Amino acid sequence: MDERRLDVFQRQDHRRRQLPLGARCYVCGTTLWLVLVPKATGPICYRCRSLERGHSAWELHHVGGKGTWILVFVPANLHRLLTHWQDLTWRGRDEPGSDCAIATDLIGLTILGFLYGERD
């Protein structure tokens, strides 16, 4: 395993350990730890934190990385998952906007979008 992926796994493990066992968003109840953010009042998901701060529940995702012309609106929690997908697949190995980065992101968007879906 290369150092970049090891770093990603270490950051994810650190985030997971900041959350209590069986953590869920205190607003919507999601239990997907990759989108949970520790907070003094209890874990909150990325989407609910965005709404709490007056932002949208949807965000723009750059397919193939920042600077590409392919932008899609996705739910905030799915955007967080897609960012993890980029970290684990092409980021740090391929250039943003490369054919590989775009193709990999389209696969991630298809798989994660189908599995996650929008629950609102």
PDB file of N, CA and C in Angstrom:
ATOM      1  N   MET A   1       0.852  -1.181   0.000  1.00  0.00           N
ATOM      2  CA  MET A   1       0.000   0.000   0.000  1.00  0.00           C
ATOM      3  C   MET A   1       0.895   1.240   0.000  1.00  0.00           C
ATOM      4  N   ASP A   2       0.569   2.206  -0.867  1.00  0.00           N
ATOM      5  CA  ASP A   2       1.401   3.391  -0.946  1.00  0.00           C
ATOM      6  C   ASP A   2       1.110   4.340   0.230  1.00  0.00           C
ATOM      7  N   GLU A   3       2.019   5.273   0.444  1.00  0.00           N
ATOM      8  CA  GLU A   3       1.924   6.187   1.585  1.00  0.00           C
ATOM      9  C   GLU A   3       0.683   7.068   1.538  1.00  0.00           C
ATOM     10  N   ARG A   4       0.266   7.470   0.345  1.00  0.00           N
ATOM     11  CA  ARG A   4      -0.904   8.330   0.203  1.00  0.00           C
ATOM     12  C   ARG A   4      -2.155   7.624   0.698  1.00  0.00           C
ATOM     13  N   ARG A   5      -2.352   6.387   0.279  1.00  0.00           N
ATOM     14  CA  ARG A   5      -3.533   5.638   0.728  1.00  0.00           C
ATOM     15  C   ARG A   5      -3.448   5.330   2.218  1.00  0.00           C
ATOM     16  N   LEU A   6      -2.261   5.030   2.698  1.00  0.00           N
ATOM     17  CA  LEU A   6      -2.089   4.790   4.127  1.00  0.00           C
ATOM     18  C   LEU A   6      -2.485   6.030   4.925  1.00  0.00           C
ATOM     19  N   ASP A   7      -2.096   7.202   4.442  1.00  0.00           N
ATOM     20  CA  ASP A   7      -2.473   8.464   5.089  1.00  0.00           C
ATOM     21  C   ASP A   7      -3.994   8.634   5.114  1.00  0.00           C
ATOM     22  N   VAL A   8      -4.653   8.311   4.002  1.00  0.00           N
ATOM     23  CA  VAL A   8      -6.117   8.413   3.937  1.00  0.00           C
ATOM     24  C   VAL A   8      -6.746   7.495   4.981  1.00  0.00           C
ATOM     25  N   PHE A   9      -6.284   6.245   5.039  1.00  0.00           N
ATOM     26  CA  PHE A   9      -6.830   5.297   6.012  1.00  0.00           C
ATOM     27  C   PHE A   9      -6.579   5.754   7.448  1.00  0.00           C
ATOM     28  N   GLN A  10      -5.412   6.335   7.704  1.00  0.00           N
ATOM     29  CA  GLN A  10      -5.110   6.825   9.052  1.00  0.00           C
ATOM     30  C   GLN A  10      -6.025   7.984   9.432  1.00  0.00           C
ATOM     31  N   ARG A  11      -6.277   8.897   8.500  1.00  0.00           N
ATOM     32  CA  ARG A  11      -7.185  10.014   8.778  1.00  0.00           C
ATOM     33  C   ARG A  11      -8.606   9.520   9.008  1.00  0.00           C
ATOM     34  N   GLN A  12      -9.038   8.544   8.218  1.00  0.00           N
ATOM     35  CA  GLN A  12     -10.380   7.985   8.402  1.00  0.00           C
ATOM     36  C   GLN A  12     -10.491   7.259   9.735  1.00  0.00           C
ATOM     37  N   ASP A  13      -9.447   6.525  10.105  1.00  0.00           N
ATOM     38  CA  ASP A  13      -9.464   5.814  11.383  1.00  0.00           C
ATOM     39  C   ASP A  13      -9.501   6.802  12.545  1.00  0.00           C
ATOM     40  N   HIS A  14      -8.746   7.890  12.431  1.00  0.00           N
ATOM     41  CA  HIS A  14      -8.752   8.918  13.481  1.00  0.00           C
ATOM     42  C   HIS A  14     -10.154   9.508  13.643  1.00  0.00           C
ATOM     43  N   ARG A  15     -10.811   9.807  12.512  1.00  0.00           N
ATOM     44  CA  ARG A  15     -12.173  10.349  12.550  1.00  0.00           C
ATOM     45  C   ARG A  15     -13.123   9.351  13.206  1.00  0.00           C
ATOM     46  N   ARG A  16     -13.008   8.071  12.811  1.00  0.00           N
ATOM     47  CA  ARG A  16     -13.890   7.046  13.370  1.00  0.00           C
ATOM     48  C   ARG A  16     -13.713   6.927  14.877  1.00  0.00           C
ATOM     49  N   ARG A  17     -12.470   7.009  15.347  1.00  0.00           N
ATOM     50  CA  ARG A  17     -12.209   6.881  16.784  1.00  0.00           C
ATOM     51  C   ARG A  17     -12.667   8.090  17.581  1.00  0.00           C
ATOM     52  N   GLN A  18     -12.925   9.217  16.930  1.00  0.00           N
ATOM     53  CA  GLN A  18     -13.459  10.390  17.606  1.00  0.00           C
ATOM     54  C   GLN A  18     -14.951  10.253  17.887  1.00  0.00           C
ATOM     55  N   LEU A  19     -15.562   9.250  17.274  1.00  0.00           N
ATOM     56  CA  LEU A  19     -17.005   9.045  17.418  1.00  0.00           C
ATOM     57  C   LEU A  19     -17.283   7.916  18.394  1.00  0.00           C
ATOM     58  N   PRO A  20     -18.353   8.029  19.177  1.00  0.00           N
ATOM     59  CA  PRO A  20     -18.691   6.936  20.090  1.00  0.00           C
ATOM     60  C   PRO A  20     -19.180   5.713  19.313  1.00  0.00           C
ATOM     61  N   LEU A  21     -19.084   4.559  19.921  1.00  0.00           N
ATOM     62  CA  LEU A  21     -19.578   3.329  19.320  1.00  0.00           C
ATOM     63  C   LEU A  21     -21.073   3.479  19.035  1.00  0.00           C
ATOM     64  N   GLY A  22     -21.500   3.100  17.858  1.00  0.00           N
ATOM     65  CA  GLY A  22     -22.908   3.219  17.491  1.00  0.00           C
ATOM     66  C   GLY A  22     -23.346   4.646  17.215  1.00  0.00           C
ATOM     67  N   ALA A  23     -22.393   5.516  16.859  1.00  0.00           N
ATOM     68  CA  ALA A  23     -22.706   6.934  16.635  1.00  0.00           C
ATOM     69  C   ALA A  23     -23.712   7.108  15.518  1.00  0.00           C
ATOM     70  N   ARG A  24     -24.542   8.118  15.675  1.00  0.00           N
ATOM     71  CA  ARG A  24     -25.517   8.506  14.655  1.00  0.00           C
ATOM     72  C   ARG A  24     -25.716  10.001  14.735  1.00  0.00           C
ATOM     73  N   CYS A  25     -26.141  10.586  13.625  1.00  0.00           N
ATOM     74  CA  CYS A  25     -26.412  12.017  13.589  1.00  0.00           C
ATOM     75  C   CYS A  25     -27.564  12.322  14.536  1.00  0.00           C
ATOM     76  N   TYR A  26     -27.374  13.275  15.415  1.00  0.00           N
ATOM     77  CA  TYR A  26     -28.418  13.587  16.388  1.00  0.00           C
ATOM     78  C   TYR A  26     -29.604  14.314  15.763  1.00  0.00           C
ATOM     79  N   VAL A  27     -29.466  14.736  14.487  1.00  0.00           N
ATOM     80  CA  VAL A  27     -30.569  15.408  13.802  1.00  0.00           C
ATOM     81  C   VAL A  27     -31.371  14.422  12.952  1.00  0.00           C
ATOM     82  N   CYS A  28     -30.688  13.738  12.025  1.00  0.00           N
ATOM     83  CA  CYS A  28     -31.402  12.862  11.082  1.00  0.00           C
ATOM     84  C   CYS A  28     -31.261  11.381  11.378  1.00  0.00           C
ATOM     85  N   GLY A  29     -30.285  11.014  12.205  1.00  0.00           N
ATOM     86  CA  GLY A  29     -30.134   9.617  12.598  1.00  0.00           C
ATOM     87  C   GLY A  29     -29.231   8.772  11.725  1.00  0.00           C
ATOM     88  N   THR A  30     -28.599   9.356  10.694  1.00  0.00           N
ATOM     89  CA  THR A  30     -27.726   8.542   9.848  1.00  0.00           C
ATOM     90  C   THR A  30     -26.583   7.958  10.672  1.00  0.00           C
ATOM     91  N   THR A  31     -26.221   6.725  10.367  1.00  0.00           N
ATOM     92  CA  THR A  31     -25.165   6.039  11.103  1.00  0.00           C
ATOM     93  C   THR A  31     -23.899   5.847  10.270  1.00  0.00           C
ATOM     94  N   LEU A  32     -23.856   6.409   9.091  1.00  0.00           N
ATOM     95  CA  LEU A  32     -22.705   6.256   8.205  1.00  0.00           C
ATOM     96  C   LEU A  32     -21.551   7.103   8.734  1.00  0.00           C
ATOM     97  N   TRP A  33     -20.595   6.470   9.397  1.00  0.00           N
ATOM     98  CA  TRP A  33     -19.573   7.199  10.135  1.00  0.00           C
ATOM     99  C   TRP A  33     -18.686   8.063   9.238  1.00  0.00           C
ATOM    100  N   LEU A  34     -18.547   7.730   7.970  1.00  0.00           N
ATOM    101  CA  LEU A  34     -17.713   8.540   7.080  1.00  0.00           C
ATOM    102  C   LEU A  34     -18.257   9.942   6.885  1.00  0.00           C
ATOM    103  N   VAL A  35     -19.545  10.155   7.154  1.00  0.00           N
ATOM    104  CA  VAL A  35     -20.126  11.488   6.977  1.00  0.00           C
ATOM    105  C   VAL A  35     -20.402  12.169   8.319  1.00  0.00           C
ATOM    106  N   LEU A  36     -20.096  11.485   9.426  1.00  0.00           N
ATOM    107  CA  LEU A  36     -20.361  12.071  10.746  1.00  0.00           C
ATOM    108  C   LEU A  36     -19.218  12.971  11.188  1.00  0.00           C
ATOM    109  N   VAL A  37     -19.594  14.060  11.851  1.00  0.00           N
ATOM    110  CA  VAL A  37     -18.638  15.035  12.360  1.00  0.00           C
ATOM    111  C   VAL A  37     -18.832  15.119  13.875  1.00  0.00           C
ATOM    112  N   PRO A  38     -17.748  14.954  14.665  1.00  0.00           N
ATOM    113  CA  PRO A  38     -17.888  15.085  16.111  1.00  0.00           C
ATOM    114  C   PRO A  38     -18.302  16.509  16.488  1.00  0.00           C
ATOM    115  N   LYS A  39     -19.181  16.617  17.457  1.00  0.00           N
ATOM    116  CA  LYS A  39     -19.640  17.923  17.927  1.00  0.00           C
ATOM    117  C   LYS A  39     -19.963  17.791  19.416  1.00  0.00           C
ATOM    118  N   ALA A  40     -19.855  18.865  20.159  1.00  0.00           N
ATOM    119  CA  ALA A  40     -20.084  18.824  21.604  1.00  0.00           C
ATOM    120  C   ALA A  40     -21.486  18.307  21.947  1.00  0.00           C
ATOM    121  N   THR A  41     -22.469  18.635  21.119  1.00  0.00           N
ATOM    122  CA  THR A  41     -23.842  18.194  21.383  1.00  0.00           C
ATOM    123  C   THR A  41     -24.107  16.777  20.886  1.00  0.00           C
ATOM    124  N   GLY A  42     -23.118  16.181  20.244  1.00  0.00           N
ATOM    125  CA  GLY A  42     -23.245  14.829  19.709  1.00  0.00           C
ATOM    126  C   GLY A  42     -22.882  14.829  18.237  1.00  0.00           C
ATOM    127  N   PRO A  43     -22.619  13.658  17.677  1.00  0.00           N
ATOM    128  CA  PRO A  43     -22.250  13.590  16.263  1.00  0.00           C
ATOM    129  C   PRO A  43     -23.353  14.162  15.375  1.00  0.00           C
ATOM    130  N   ILE A  44     -22.918  14.798  14.316  1.00  0.00           N
ATOM    131  CA  ILE A  44     -23.854  15.363  13.332  1.00  0.00           C
ATOM    132  C   ILE A  44     -23.305  15.026  11.953  1.00  0.00           C
ATOM    133  N   CYS A  45     -24.188  14.731  11.022  1.00  0.00           N
ATOM    134  CA  CYS A  45     -23.714  14.411   9.670  1.00  0.00           C
ATOM    135  C   CYS A  45     -23.368  15.703   8.937  1.00  0.00           C
ATOM    136  N   TYR A  46     -22.589  15.536   7.908  1.00  0.00           N
ATOM    137  CA  TYR A  46     -22.119  16.665   7.109  1.00  0.00           C
ATOM    138  C   TYR A  46     -23.295  17.476   6.561  1.00  0.00           C
ATOM    139  N   ARG A  47     -24.333  16.784   6.089  1.00  0.00           N
ATOM    140  CA  ARG A  47     -25.525  17.449   5.533  1.00  0.00           C
ATOM    141  C   ARG A  47     -26.228  18.294   6.584  1.00  0.00           C
ATOM    142  N   CYS A  48     -26.503  17.712   7.742  1.00  0.00           N
ATOM    143  CA  CYS A  48     -27.215  18.441   8.796  1.00  0.00           C
ATOM    144  C   CYS A  48     -26.386  19.599   9.330  1.00  0.00           C
ATOM    145  N   ARG A  49     -25.056  19.424   9.380  1.00  0.00           N
ATOM    146  CA  ARG A  49     -24.188  20.522   9.807  1.00  0.00           C
ATOM    147  C   ARG A  49     -24.245  21.650   8.786  1.00  0.00           C
ATOM    148  N   SER A  50     -24.276  21.299   7.492  1.00  0.00           N
ATOM    149  CA  SER A  50     -24.391  22.326   6.447  1.00  0.00           C
ATOM    150  C   SER A  50     -25.691  23.100   6.595  1.00  0.00           C
ATOM    151  N   LEU A  51     -26.797  22.381   6.801  1.00  0.00           N
ATOM    152  CA  LEU A  51     -28.095  23.034   6.979  1.00  0.00           C
ATOM    153  C   LEU A  51     -28.099  23.911   8.232  1.00  0.00           C
ATOM    154  N   GLU A  52     -27.491  23.416   9.308  1.00  0.00           N
ATOM    155  CA  GLU A  52     -27.404  24.156  10.569  1.00  0.00           C
ATOM    156  C   GLU A  52     -26.648  25.477  10.377  1.00  0.00           C
ATOM    157  N   ARG A  53     -25.691  25.476   9.469  1.00  0.00           N
ATOM    158  CA  ARG A  53     -24.886  26.672   9.191  1.00  0.00           C
ATOM    159  C   ARG A  53     -25.509  27.557   8.121  1.00  0.00           C
ATOM    160  N   GLY A  54     -26.712  27.210   7.672  1.00  0.00           N
ATOM    161  CA  GLY A  54     -27.410  28.023   6.687  1.00  0.00           C
ATOM    162  C   GLY A  54     -27.045  27.726   5.244  1.00  0.00           C
ATOM    163  N   HIS A  55     -26.362  26.620   5.008  1.00  0.00           N
ATOM    164  CA  HIS A  55     -25.981  26.240   3.650  1.00  0.00           C
ATOM    165  C   HIS A  55     -26.984  25.233   3.097  1.00  0.00           C
ATOM    166  N   SER A  56     -26.809  24.873   1.856  1.00  0.00           N
ATOM    167  CA  SER A  56     -27.696  23.936   1.175  1.00  0.00           C
ATOM    168  C   SER A  56     -27.393  22.489   1.584  1.00  0.00           C
ATOM    169  N   ALA A  57     -28.382  21.625   1.403  1.00  0.00           N
ATOM    170  CA  ALA A  57     -28.198  20.186   1.611  1.00  0.00           C
ATOM    171  C   ALA A  57     -27.562  19.545   0.384  1.00  0.00           C
ATOM    172  N   TRP A  58     -27.381  20.323  -0.672  1.00  0.00           N
ATOM    173  CA  TRP A  58     -26.792  19.842  -1.922  1.00  0.00           C
ATOM    174  C   TRP A  58     -25.530  20.631  -2.218  1.00  0.00           C
ATOM    175  N   GLU A  59     -24.569  19.990  -2.870  1.00  0.00           N
ATOM    176  CA  GLU A  59     -23.311  20.644  -3.213  1.00  0.00           C
ATOM    177  C   GLU A  59     -22.898  20.275  -4.630  1.00  0.00           C
ATOM    178  N   LEU A  60     -22.049  21.097  -5.202  1.00  0.00           N
ATOM    179  CA  LEU A  60     -21.477  20.796  -6.509  1.00  0.00           C
ATOM    180  C   LEU A  60     -20.297  19.853  -6.335  1.00  0.00           C
ATOM    181  N   HIS A  61     -20.269  18.823  -7.150  1.00  0.00           N
ATOM    182  CA  HIS A  61     -19.148  17.885  -7.151  1.00  0.00           C
ATOM    183  C   HIS A  61     -18.442  17.973  -8.495  1.00  0.00           C
ATOM    184  N   HIS A  62     -17.133  18.149  -8.460  1.00  0.00           N
ATOM    185  CA  HIS A  62     -16.328  18.186  -9.678  1.00  0.00           C
ATOM    186  C   HIS A  62     -15.949  16.754 -10.046  1.00  0.00           C
ATOM    187  N   VAL A  63     -16.551  16.235 -11.095  1.00  0.00           N
ATOM    188  CA  VAL A  63     -16.217  14.894 -11.561  1.00  0.00           C
ATOM    189  C   VAL A  63     -14.835  14.957 -12.200  1.00  0.00           C
ATOM    190  N   GLY A  64     -13.904  14.233 -11.638  1.00  0.00           N
ATOM    191  CA  GLY A  64     -12.531  14.270 -12.127  1.00  0.00           C
ATOM    192  C   GLY A  64     -11.668  15.291 -11.418  1.00  0.00           C
ATOM    193  N   GLY A  65     -12.190  15.924 -10.374  1.00  0.00           N
ATOM    194  CA  GLY A  65     -11.403  16.856  -9.586  1.00  0.00           C
ATOM    195  C   GLY A  65     -11.684  18.306  -9.903  1.00  0.00           C
ATOM    196  N   LYS A  66     -11.238  19.181  -8.997  1.00  0.00           N
ATOM    197  CA  LYS A  66     -11.452  20.620  -9.176  1.00  0.00           C
ATOM    198  C   LYS A  66     -10.821  21.102 -10.459  1.00  0.00           C
ATOM    199  N   GLY A  67     -11.527  22.018 -11.092  1.00  0.00           N
ATOM    200  CA  GLY A  67     -11.037  22.576 -12.342  1.00  0.00           C
ATOM    201  C   GLY A  67     -11.610  21.895 -13.568  1.00  0.00           C
ATOM    202  N   THR A  68     -12.305  20.784 -13.382  1.00  0.00           N
ATOM    203  CA  THR A  68     -12.917  20.130 -14.531  1.00  0.00           C
ATOM    204  C   THR A  68     -14.234  20.811 -14.854  1.00  0.00           C
ATOM    205  N   TRP A  69     -14.702  20.613 -16.045  1.00  0.00           N
ATOM    206  CA  TRP A  69     -15.943  21.245 -16.493  1.00  0.00           C
ATOM    207  C   TRP A  69     -17.165  20.412 -16.157  1.00  0.00           C
ATOM    208  N   ILE A  70     -16.970  19.190 -15.663  1.00  0.00           N
ATOM    209  CA  ILE A  70     -18.107  18.319 -15.347  1.00  0.00           C
ATOM    210  C   ILE A  70     -18.499  18.528 -13.888  1.00  0.00           C
ATOM    211  N   LEU A  71     -19.620  19.209 -13.673  1.00  0.00           N
ATOM    212  CA  LEU A  71     -20.121  19.490 -12.329  1.00  0.00           C
ATOM    213  C   LEU A  71     -21.503  18.875 -12.181  1.00  0.00           C
ATOM    214  N   VAL A  72     -21.739  18.234 -11.048  1.00  0.00           N
ATOM    215  CA  VAL A  72     -23.054  17.664 -10.763  1.00  0.00           C
ATOM    216  C   VAL A  72     -23.479  18.079  -9.360  1.00  0.00           C
ATOM    217  N   PHE A  73     -24.779  18.317  -9.180  1.00  0.00           N
ATOM    218  CA  PHE A  73     -25.307  18.575  -7.845  1.00  0.00           C
ATOM    219  C   PHE A  73     -25.571  17.244  -7.172  1.00  0.00           C
ATOM    220  N   VAL A  74     -25.037  17.073  -5.979  1.00  0.00           N
ATOM    221  CA  VAL A  74     -25.249  15.842  -5.223  1.00  0.00           C
ATOM    222  C   VAL A  74     -25.591  16.212  -3.778  1.00  0.00           C
ATOM    223  N   PRO A  75     -26.272  15.318  -3.069  1.00  0.00           N
ATOM    224  CA  PRO A  75     -26.519  15.567  -1.650  1.00  0.00           C
ATOM    225  C   PRO A  75     -25.178  15.728  -0.913  1.00  0.00           C
ATOM    226  N   ALA A  76     -25.168  16.582   0.102  1.00  0.00           N
ATOM    227  CA  ALA A  76     -23.923  16.902   0.813  1.00  0.00           C
ATOM    228  C   ALA A  76     -23.227  15.653   1.360  1.00  0.00           C
ATOM    229  N   ASN A  77     -23.983  14.726   1.949  1.00  0.00           N
ATOM    230  CA  ASN A  77     -23.349  13.513   2.483  1.00  0.00           C
ATOM    231  C   ASN A  77     -22.746  12.665   1.373  1.00  0.00           C
ATOM    232  N   LEU A  78     -23.417  12.587   0.235  1.00  0.00           N
ATOM    233  CA  LEU A  78     -22.857  11.847  -0.902  1.00  0.00           C
ATOM    234  C   LEU A  78     -21.601  12.544  -1.401  1.00  0.00           C
ATOM    235  N   HIS A  79     -21.582  13.865  -1.370  1.00  0.00           N
ATOM    236  CA  HIS A  79     -20.381  14.601  -1.767  1.00  0.00           C
ATOM    237  C   HIS A  79     -19.204  14.221  -0.877  1.00  0.00           C
ATOM    238  N   ARG A  80     -19.458  14.095   0.409  1.00  0.00           N
ATOM    239  CA  ARG A  80     -18.400  13.685   1.345  1.00  0.00           C
ATOM    240  C   ARG A  80     -17.888  12.294   0.972  1.00  0.00           C
ATOM    241  N   LEU A  81     -18.789  11.362   0.644  1.00  0.00           N
ATOM    242  CA  LEU A  81     -18.386  10.011   0.248  1.00  0.00           C
ATOM    243  C   LEU A  81     -17.587  10.030  -1.059  1.00  0.00           C
ATOM    244  N   LEU A  82     -18.012  10.862  -1.995  1.00  0.00           N
ATOM    245  CA  LEU A  82     -17.298  10.945  -3.272  1.00  0.00           C
ATOM    246  C   LEU A  82     -15.892  11.519  -3.096  1.00  0.00           C
ATOM    247  N   THR A  83     -15.731  12.427  -2.144  1.00  0.00           N
ATOM    248  CA  THR A  83     -14.402  12.959  -1.853  1.00  0.00           C
ATOM    249  C   THR A  83     -13.504  11.862  -1.287  1.00  0.00           C
ATOM    250  N   HIS A  84     -14.052  11.026  -0.402  1.00  0.00           N
ATOM    251  CA  HIS A  84     -13.284   9.871   0.096  1.00  0.00           C
ATOM    252  C   HIS A  84     -12.910   8.948  -1.064  1.00  0.00           C
ATOM    253  N   TRP A  85     -13.855   8.728  -1.979  1.00  0.00           N
ATOM    254  CA  TRP A  85     -13.605   7.891  -3.153  1.00  0.00           C
ATOM    255  C   TRP A  85     -12.416   8.434  -3.954  1.00  0.00           C
ATOM    256  N   GLN A  86     -12.404   9.749  -4.179  1.00  0.00           N
ATOM    257  CA  GLN A  86     -11.291  10.352  -4.916  1.00  0.00           C
ATOM    258  C   GLN A  86      -9.974  10.130  -4.178  1.00  0.00           C
ATOM    259  N   ASP A  87      -9.994  10.324  -2.860  1.00  0.00           N
ATOM    260  CA  ASP A  87      -8.782  10.138  -2.058  1.00  0.00           C
ATOM    261  C   ASP A  87      -8.245   8.714  -2.164  1.00  0.00           C
ATOM    262  N   LEU A  88      -9.146   7.749  -2.214  1.00  0.00           N
ATOM    263  CA  LEU A  88      -8.729   6.348  -2.229  1.00  0.00           C
ATOM    264  C   LEU A  88      -8.399   5.821  -3.624  1.00  0.00           C
ATOM    265  N   THR A  89      -8.823   6.517  -4.638  1.00  0.00           N
ATOM    266  CA  THR A  89      -8.622   5.970  -5.982  1.00  0.00           C
ATOM    267  C   THR A  89      -7.562   6.745  -6.766  1.00  0.00           C
ATOM    268  N   TRP A  90      -7.900   7.889  -7.325  1.00  0.00           N
ATOM    269  CA  TRP A  90      -6.988   8.533  -8.266  1.00  0.00           C
ATOM    270  C   TRP A  90      -6.209   9.718  -7.716  1.00  0.00           C
ATOM    271  N   ARG A  91      -6.724  10.396  -6.682  1.00  0.00           N
ATOM    272  CA  ARG A  91      -6.067  11.625  -6.220  1.00  0.00           C
ATOM    273  C   ARG A  91      -4.650  11.322  -5.718  1.00  0.00           C
ATOM    274  N   GLY A  92      -3.695  12.101  -6.169  1.00  0.00           N
ATOM    275  CA  GLY A  92      -2.298  11.898  -5.801  1.00  0.00           C
ATOM    276  C   GLY A  92      -1.569  10.983  -6.770  1.00  0.00           C
ATOM    277  N   ARG A  93      -2.312  10.320  -7.636  1.00  0.00           N
ATOM    278  CA  ARG A  93      -1.723   9.430  -8.631  1.00  0.00           C
ATOM    279  C   ARG A  93      -1.926   9.973 -10.038  1.00  0.00           C
ATOM    280  N   ASP A  94      -3.143  10.484 -10.297  1.00  0.00           N
ATOM    281  CA  ASP A  94      -3.484  11.026 -11.610  1.00  0.00           C
ATOM    282  C   ASP A  94      -3.793  12.516 -11.476  1.00  0.00           C
ATOM    283  N   GLU A  95      -3.658  13.223 -12.566  1.00  0.00           N
ATOM    284  CA  GLU A  95      -3.951  14.651 -12.587  1.00  0.00           C
ATOM    285  C   GLU A  95      -5.458  14.890 -12.594  1.00  0.00           C
ATOM    286  N   PRO A  96      -5.930  15.919 -11.874  1.00  0.00           N
ATOM    287  CA  PRO A  96      -7.344  16.283 -11.987  1.00  0.00           C
ATOM    288  C   PRO A  96      -7.688  16.575 -13.444  1.00  0.00           C
ATOM    289  N   GLY A  97      -8.833  16.088 -13.867  1.00  0.00           N
ATOM    290  CA  GLY A  97      -9.270  16.297 -15.234  1.00  0.00           C
ATOM    291  C   GLY A  97      -8.769  15.265 -16.221  1.00  0.00           C
ATOM    292  N   SER A  98      -7.876  14.375 -15.762  1.00  0.00           N
ATOM    293  CA  SER A  98      -7.381  13.331 -16.664  1.00  0.00           C
ATOM    294  C   SER A  98      -8.502  12.344 -16.973  1.00  0.00           C
ATOM    295  N   ASP A  99      -8.338  11.621 -18.063  1.00  0.00           N
ATOM    296  CA  ASP A  99      -9.336  10.626 -18.443  1.00  0.00           C
ATOM    297  C   ASP A  99      -9.553   9.616 -17.318  1.00  0.00           C
ATOM    298  N   CYS A 100      -8.471   9.201 -16.680  1.00  0.00           N
ATOM    299  CA  CYS A 100      -8.577   8.228 -15.588  1.00  0.00           C
ATOM    300  C   CYS A 100      -9.347   8.803 -14.407  1.00  0.00           C
ATOM    301  N   ALA A 101      -9.060  10.037 -14.033  1.00  0.00           N
ATOM    302  CA  ALA A 101      -9.748  10.668 -12.901  1.00  0.00           C
ATOM    303  C   ALA A 101     -11.240  10.807 -13.194  1.00  0.00           C
ATOM    304  N   ILE A 102     -11.587  11.235 -14.392  1.00  0.00           N
ATOM    305  CA  ILE A 102     -13.000  11.404 -14.762  1.00  0.00           C
ATOM    306  C   ILE A 102     -13.709  10.064 -14.788  1.00  0.00           C
ATOM    307  N   ALA A 103     -13.091   9.070 -15.439  1.00  0.00           N
ATOM    308  CA  ALA A 103     -13.714   7.741 -15.520  1.00  0.00           C
ATOM    309  C   ALA A 103     -13.901   7.138 -14.128  1.00  0.00           C
ATOM    310  N   THR A 104     -12.894   7.260 -13.277  1.00  0.00           N
ATOM    311  CA  THR A 104     -12.980   6.714 -11.922  1.00  0.00           C
ATOM    312  C   THR A 104     -14.079   7.411 -11.129  1.00  0.00           C
ATOM    313  N   ASP A 105     -14.177   8.729 -11.273  1.00  0.00           N
ATOM    314  CA  ASP A 105     -15.229   9.468 -10.568  1.00  0.00           C
ATOM    315  C   ASP A 105     -16.624   9.101 -11.073  1.00  0.00           C
ATOM    316  N   LEU A 106     -16.760   8.871 -12.372  1.00  0.00           N
ATOM    317  CA  LEU A 106     -18.058   8.474 -12.907  1.00  0.00           C
ATOM    318  C   LEU A 106     -18.480   7.105 -12.358  1.00  0.00           C
ATOM    319  N   ILE A 107     -17.512   6.218 -12.211  1.00  0.00           N
ATOM    320  CA  ILE A 107     -17.806   4.907 -11.606  1.00  0.00           C
ATOM    321  C   ILE A 107     -18.223   5.098 -10.156  1.00  0.00           C
ATOM    322  N   GLY A 108     -17.478   5.920  -9.409  1.00  0.00           N
ATOM    323  CA  GLY A 108     -17.814   6.184  -8.012  1.00  0.00           C
ATOM    324  C   GLY A 108     -19.171   6.835  -7.861  1.00  0.00           C
ATOM    325  N   LEU A 109     -19.461   7.794  -8.719  1.00  0.00           N
ATOM    326  CA  LEU A 109     -20.754   8.479  -8.677  1.00  0.00           C
ATOM    327  C   LEU A 109     -21.894   7.491  -8.936  1.00  0.00           C
ATOM    328  N   THR A 110     -21.691   6.592  -9.868  1.00  0.00           N
ATOM    329  CA  THR A 110     -22.706   5.589 -10.182  1.00  0.00           C
ATOM    330  C   THR A 110     -22.914   4.621  -9.013  1.00  0.00           C
ATOM    331  N   ILE A 111     -21.827   4.071  -8.504  1.00  0.00           N
ATOM    332  CA  ILE A 111     -21.932   3.075  -7.424  1.00  0.00           C
ATOM    333  C   ILE A 111     -22.412   3.714  -6.126  1.00  0.00           C
ATOM    334  N   LEU A 112     -21.730   4.758  -5.684  1.00  0.00           N
ATOM    335  CA  LEU A 112     -22.081   5.381  -4.411  1.00  0.00           C
ATOM    336  C   LEU A 112     -23.427   6.072  -4.489  1.00  0.00           C
ATOM    337  N   GLY A 113     -23.733   6.685  -5.618  1.00  0.00           N
ATOM    338  CA  GLY A 113     -25.041   7.317  -5.791  1.00  0.00           C
ATOM    339  C   GLY A 113     -26.165   6.310  -5.699  1.00  0.00           C
ATOM    340  N   PHE A 114     -25.952   5.138  -6.275  1.00  0.00           N
ATOM    341  CA  PHE A 114     -26.956   4.078  -6.211  1.00  0.00           C
ATOM    342  C   PHE A 114     -27.084   3.534  -4.787  1.00  0.00           C
ATOM    343  N   LEU A 115     -25.956   3.281  -4.134  1.00  0.00           N
ATOM    344  CA  LEU A 115     -25.983   2.709  -2.785  1.00  0.00           C
ATOM    345  C   LEU A 115     -26.479   3.697  -1.748  1.00  0.00           C
ATOM    346  N   TYR A 116     -26.053   4.960  -1.884  1.00  0.00           N
ATOM    347  CA  TYR A 116     -26.436   5.976  -0.893  1.00  0.00           C
ATOM    348  C   TYR A 116     -27.836   6.483  -1.147  1.00  0.00           C
ATOM    349  N   GLY A 117     -28.080   6.912  -2.388  1.00  0.00           N
ATOM    350  CA  GLY A 117     -29.384   7.480  -2.715  1.00  0.00           C
ATOM    351  C   GLY A 117     -29.661   8.739  -1.905  1.00  0.00           C
ATOM    352  N   GLU A 118     -30.710   9.423  -2.212  1.00  0.00           N
ATOM    353  CA  GLU A 118     -31.108  10.602  -1.438  1.00  0.00           C
ATOM    354  C   GLU A 118     -32.252  10.200  -0.535  1.00  0.00           C
ATOM    355  N   ARG A 119     -32.089  10.433   0.721  1.00  0.00           N
ATOM    356  CA  ARG A 119     -33.068   9.962   1.705  1.00  0.00           C
ATOM    357  C   ARG A 119     -34.022  11.060   2.161  1.00  0.00           C
ATOM    358  N   ASP A 120     -33.997  12.206   1.520  1.00  0.00           N
ATOM    359  CA  ASP A 120     -34.884  13.305   1.911  1.00  0.00           C
ATOM    360  C   ASP A 120     -36.197  13.218   1.193  1.00  0.00           C
TER     361      ASP A 120
END
